[in-house]
Amino acid sequence: MRRLGEVPEANRRYTPRPGAYAILPIGRRFLLTAEIGLDVEIQLPGGGIDEGESPLRALYREVREETGWSIVKPRRFGAFRRFVFMPEYDLWAEKICHIYVAQPARQLHPPTEPHHETLILDADDAIAGLANAGDRHFMERYVNAGRP
């Protein structure tokens, strides 16, 4: 699986952390999430796959938690891995990121995930704003394939 982002430190032990994330087109714009902390980090909505949970179930849950939207028709688009420190878990992680494309169906409620806000950006702003190289790579690939 392709690595995108920082090179792992040779002397560092990383814990595998699988997750499911979505590219969510709305016409020519995209539904994203912004995690608000010391900095603002724009991300594809999604997150960790819990023990015993399927990637698709995690995708539906995480998108709803981070954006408040329901989704339909998810299809797998690819995967990548990245090596990061996750301060909220005090964990050095090998994030295994499963990327899907899905259609936002409707907004059910505001985000329930703490410190998250929903964004809708055009393709150029989405690509420029995404915080990690893997999210940017897959968004660019989606847009350059002739989609909105």
C-alpha atoms as a PDB file:
ATOM      1  CA  MET A   1       0.000   0.000   0.000  1.00  0.00           C
ATOM      2  CA  ARG A   2       1.329   3.411  -0.964  1.00  0.00           C
ATOM      3  CA  ARG A   3       2.672   5.682   1.783  1.00  0.00           C
ATOM      4  CA  LEU A   4       1.789   9.367   1.534  1.00  0.00           C
ATOM      5  CA  GLY A   5       3.152  12.004   3.880  1.00  0.00           C
ATOM      6  CA  GLU A   6       5.970  11.845   6.394  1.00  0.00           C
ATOM      7  CA  VAL A   7       8.560   9.073   6.300  1.00  0.00           C
ATOM      8  CA  PRO A   8       8.286   6.888   9.407  1.00  0.00           C
ATOM      9  CA  GLU A   9      11.053   7.279  11.977  1.00  0.00           C
ATOM     10  CA  ALA A  10      13.238   4.158  11.964  1.00  0.00           C
ATOM     11  CA  ASN A  11      13.459   3.939  15.766  1.00  0.00           C
ATOM     12  CA  ARG A  12       9.748   4.636  16.391  1.00  0.00           C
ATOM     13  CA  ARG A  13       7.146   1.943  17.061  1.00  0.00           C
ATOM     14  CA  TYR A  14       3.828   2.623  15.263  1.00  0.00           C
ATOM     15  CA  THR A  15       0.448   1.106  16.102  1.00  0.00           C
ATOM     16  CA  PRO A  16      -1.732   0.184  13.088  1.00  0.00           C
ATOM     17  CA  ARG A  17      -4.881   2.348  13.051  1.00  0.00           C
ATOM     18  CA  PRO A  18      -7.280   1.568  10.172  1.00  0.00           C
ATOM     19  CA  GLY A  19      -9.824   4.194   9.170  1.00  0.00           C
ATOM     20  CA  ALA A  20     -12.453   4.967   6.536  1.00  0.00           C
ATOM     21  CA  TYR A  21     -12.735   8.400   4.874  1.00  0.00           C
ATOM     22  CA  ALA A  22     -14.998   9.871   2.191  1.00  0.00           C
ATOM     23  CA  ILE A  23     -14.847  12.206  -0.768  1.00  0.00           C
ATOM     24  CA  LEU A  24     -18.345  13.719  -0.718  1.00  0.00           C
ATOM     25  CA  PRO A  25     -19.260  15.689  -3.872  1.00  0.00           C
ATOM     26  CA  ILE A  26     -22.210  18.072  -3.823  1.00  0.00           C
ATOM     27  CA  GLY A  27     -22.485  19.260  -7.412  1.00  0.00           C
ATOM     28  CA  ARG A  28     -19.134  20.940  -8.114  1.00  0.00           C
ATOM     29  CA  ARG A  29     -18.307  21.372  -4.424  1.00  0.00           C
ATOM     30  CA  PHE A  30     -17.264  18.999  -1.640  1.00  0.00           C
ATOM     31  CA  LEU A  31     -18.454  18.345   1.889  1.00  0.00           C
ATOM     32  CA  LEU A  32     -15.482  18.349   4.279  1.00  0.00           C
ATOM     33  CA  THR A  33     -14.816  18.634   7.980  1.00  0.00           C
ATOM     34  CA  ALA A  34     -12.620  21.087   9.847  1.00  0.00           C
ATOM     35  CA  GLU A  35     -11.131  19.977  13.137  1.00  0.00           C
ATOM     36  CA  ILE A  36     -10.724  23.045  15.319  1.00  0.00           C
ATOM     37  CA  GLY A  37      -7.895  22.887  17.851  1.00  0.00           C
ATOM     38  CA  LEU A  38      -4.768  24.973  18.223  1.00  0.00           C
ATOM     39  CA  ASP A  39      -4.868  25.015  14.432  1.00  0.00           C
ATOM     40  CA  VAL A  40      -7.689  24.418  11.959  1.00  0.00           C
ATOM     41  CA  GLU A  41      -7.202  21.168  10.061  1.00  0.00           C
ATOM     42  CA  ILE A  42      -9.391  20.507   7.011  1.00  0.00           C
ATOM     43  CA  GLN A  43      -9.954  16.795   6.415  1.00  0.00           C
ATOM     44  CA  LEU A  44     -11.954  14.292   4.452  1.00  0.00           C
ATOM     45  CA  PRO A  45     -14.731  13.222   6.820  1.00  0.00           C
ATOM     46  CA  GLY A  46     -14.092   9.876   8.421  1.00  0.00           C
ATOM     47  CA  GLY A  47     -12.065   8.225  11.118  1.00  0.00           C
ATOM     48  CA  GLY A  48     -11.022   5.122  12.925  1.00  0.00           C
ATOM     49  CA  ILE A  49     -12.592   1.724  12.422  1.00  0.00           C
ATOM     50  CA  ASP A  50     -13.545   0.321  15.829  1.00  0.00           C
ATOM     51  CA  GLU A  51     -12.793  -3.281  16.801  1.00  0.00           C
ATOM     52  CA  GLY A  52     -15.361  -5.576  15.145  1.00  0.00           C
ATOM     53  CA  GLU A  53     -16.697  -2.769  12.924  1.00  0.00           C
ATOM     54  CA  SER A  54     -16.640  -2.976   9.119  1.00  0.00           C
ATOM     55  CA  PRO A  55     -15.031  -0.146   7.120  1.00  0.00           C
ATOM     56  CA  LEU A  56     -18.431   0.807   5.641  1.00  0.00           C
ATOM     57  CA  ARG A  57     -20.169   0.918   9.026  1.00  0.00           C
ATOM     58  CA  ALA A  58     -17.307   3.084  10.331  1.00  0.00           C
ATOM     59  CA  LEU A  59     -17.633   5.360   7.290  1.00  0.00           C
ATOM     60  CA  TYR A  60     -21.358   5.957   7.832  1.00  0.00           C
ATOM     61  CA  ARG A  61     -20.815   6.571  11.570  1.00  0.00           C
ATOM     62  CA  GLU A  62     -17.792   8.829  11.228  1.00  0.00           C
ATOM     63  CA  VAL A  63     -19.276  10.998   8.460  1.00  0.00           C
ATOM     64  CA  ARG A  64     -22.432  11.484  10.535  1.00  0.00           C
ATOM     65  CA  GLU A  65     -20.422  12.321  13.682  1.00  0.00           C
ATOM     66  CA  GLU A  66     -18.057  14.765  11.946  1.00  0.00           C
ATOM     67  CA  THR A  67     -20.514  16.488   9.574  1.00  0.00           C
ATOM     68  CA  GLY A  68     -24.042  15.629  10.710  1.00  0.00           C
ATOM     69  CA  TRP A  69     -24.837  14.330   7.197  1.00  0.00           C
ATOM     70  CA  SER A  70     -26.094  10.943   6.074  1.00  0.00           C
ATOM     71  CA  ILE A  71     -24.514   9.389   2.971  1.00  0.00           C
ATOM     72  CA  VAL A  72     -25.573   6.922   0.285  1.00  0.00           C
ATOM     73  CA  LYS A  73     -23.908   4.783  -2.397  1.00  0.00           C
ATOM     74  CA  PRO A  74     -20.349   4.591  -1.012  1.00  0.00           C
ATOM     75  CA  ARG A  75     -17.817   2.955  -3.300  1.00  0.00           C
ATOM     76  CA  ARG A  76     -14.191   2.215  -2.578  1.00  0.00           C
ATOM     77  CA  PHE A  77     -11.768   4.557  -4.317  1.00  0.00           C
ATOM     78  CA  GLY A  78      -8.388   3.490  -2.932  1.00  0.00           C
ATOM     79  CA  ALA A  79      -6.176   3.375   0.143  1.00  0.00           C
ATOM     80  CA  PHE A  80      -2.970   4.785   1.522  1.00  0.00           C
ATOM     81  CA  ARG A  81      -1.017   4.774   4.735  1.00  0.00           C
ATOM     82  CA  ARG A  82       0.598   7.546   6.685  1.00  0.00           C
ATOM     83  CA  PHE A  83       2.669   7.715   9.849  1.00  0.00           C
ATOM     84  CA  VAL A  84       1.637  10.316  12.430  1.00  0.00           C
ATOM     85  CA  PHE A  85       1.466  11.163  16.101  1.00  0.00           C
ATOM     86  CA  MET A  86      -2.138  11.285  17.340  1.00  0.00           C
ATOM     87  CA  PRO A  87      -2.037  13.559  20.415  1.00  0.00           C
ATOM     88  CA  GLU A  88      -5.658  12.844  21.390  1.00  0.00           C
ATOM     89  CA  TYR A  89      -4.640   9.186  21.917  1.00  0.00           C
ATOM     90  CA  ASP A  90      -0.977   9.821  22.853  1.00  0.00           C
ATOM     91  CA  LEU A  91      -0.203   7.363  20.052  1.00  0.00           C
ATOM     92  CA  TRP A  92       2.267   7.043  17.208  1.00  0.00           C
ATOM     93  CA  ALA A  93       0.117   5.487  14.496  1.00  0.00           C
ATOM     94  CA  GLU A  94       0.413   3.881  11.100  1.00  0.00           C
ATOM     95  CA  LYS A  95      -2.907   5.124   9.758  1.00  0.00           C
ATOM     96  CA  ILE A  96      -4.287   2.790   7.105  1.00  0.00           C
ATOM     97  CA  CYS A  97      -6.741   5.045   5.267  1.00  0.00           C
ATOM     98  CA  HIS A  98      -9.499   3.467   3.158  1.00  0.00           C
ATOM     99  CA  ILE A  99     -10.924   6.126   0.818  1.00  0.00           C
ATOM    100  CA  TYR A 100     -14.492   6.007  -0.504  1.00  0.00           C
ATOM    101  CA  VAL A 101     -16.606   8.247  -2.717  1.00  0.00           C
ATOM    102  CA  ALA A 102     -20.198   8.643  -1.521  1.00  0.00           C
ATOM    103  CA  GLN A 103     -23.150  10.950  -2.077  1.00  0.00           C
ATOM    104  CA  PRO A 104     -24.220  13.196   0.786  1.00  0.00           C
ATOM    105  CA  ALA A 105     -27.955  12.527   1.245  1.00  0.00           C
ATOM    106  CA  ARG A 106     -29.070  15.123   3.773  1.00  0.00           C
ATOM    107  CA  GLN A 107     -27.958  16.996   6.830  1.00  0.00           C
ATOM    108  CA  LEU A 108     -29.483  15.373   9.920  1.00  0.00           C
ATOM    109  CA  HIS A 109     -27.961  17.575  12.633  1.00  0.00           C
ATOM    110  CA  PRO A 110     -24.828  19.608  13.409  1.00  0.00           C
ATOM    111  CA  PRO A 111     -21.598  17.624  13.916  1.00  0.00           C
ATOM    112  CA  THR A 112     -21.586  15.648  17.175  1.00  0.00           C
ATOM    113  CA  GLU A 113     -17.825  15.065  17.172  1.00  0.00           C
ATOM    114  CA  PRO A 114     -16.236  17.673  19.476  1.00  0.00           C
ATOM    115  CA  HIS A 115     -14.261  20.439  17.780  1.00  0.00           C
ATOM    116  CA  HIS A 116     -15.542  19.647  14.256  1.00  0.00           C
ATOM    117  CA  GLU A 117     -17.309  21.959  11.825  1.00  0.00           C
ATOM    118  CA  THR A 118     -18.779  21.162   8.417  1.00  0.00           C
ATOM    119  CA  LEU A 119     -17.392  22.894   5.326  1.00  0.00           C
ATOM    120  CA  ILE A 120     -18.506  22.903   1.699  1.00  0.00           C
ATOM    121  CA  LEU A 121     -15.709  24.025  -0.629  1.00  0.00           C
ATOM    122  CA  ASP A 122     -15.118  24.074  -4.371  1.00  0.00           C
ATOM    123  CA  ALA A 123     -12.556  21.615  -5.750  1.00  0.00           C
ATOM    124  CA  ASP A 124      -9.590  24.014  -5.836  1.00  0.00           C
ATOM    125  CA  ASP A 125     -10.165  25.243  -2.288  1.00  0.00           C
ATOM    126  CA  ALA A 126     -10.740  21.683  -1.056  1.00  0.00           C
ATOM    127  CA  ILE A 127      -7.482  20.438  -2.568  1.00  0.00           C
ATOM    128  CA  ALA A 128      -5.519  23.453  -1.318  1.00  0.00           C
ATOM    129  CA  GLY A 129      -7.023  23.255   2.157  1.00  0.00           C
ATOM    130  CA  LEU A 130      -6.772  19.538   2.933  1.00  0.00           C
ATOM    131  CA  ALA A 131      -4.248  19.059   5.713  1.00  0.00           C
ATOM    132  CA  ASN A 132      -2.619  15.787   4.713  1.00  0.00           C
ATOM    133  CA  ALA A 133      -0.937  14.601   1.545  1.00  0.00           C
ATOM    134  CA  GLY A 134      -3.079  11.471   1.223  1.00  0.00           C
ATOM    135  CA  ASP A 135      -6.389  13.344   1.352  1.00  0.00           C
ATOM    136  CA  ARG A 136      -5.042  15.845  -1.222  1.00  0.00           C
ATOM    137  CA  HIS A 137      -3.789  13.052  -3.494  1.00  0.00           C
ATOM    138  CA  PHE A 138      -7.147  11.275  -3.615  1.00  0.00           C
ATOM    139  CA  MET A 139      -9.142  14.493  -3.990  1.00  0.00           C
ATOM    140  CA  GLU A 140      -6.888  15.559  -6.899  1.00  0.00           C
ATOM    141  CA  ARG A 141      -7.231  12.109  -8.459  1.00  0.00           C
ATOM    142  CA  TYR A 142     -11.014  12.299  -8.176  1.00  0.00           C
ATOM    143  CA  VAL A 143     -11.213  15.823  -9.624  1.00  0.00           C
ATOM    144  CA  ASN A 144      -8.690  15.124 -12.415  1.00  0.00           C
ATOM    145  CA  ALA A 145     -10.624  12.034 -13.494  1.00  0.00           C
ATOM    146  CA  GLY A 146     -13.217  14.415 -14.971  1.00  0.00           C
ATOM    147  CA  ARG A 147     -15.527  14.571 -12.012  1.00  0.00           C
ATOM    148  CA  PRO A 148     -16.646  17.902 -10.515  1.00  0.00           C
END
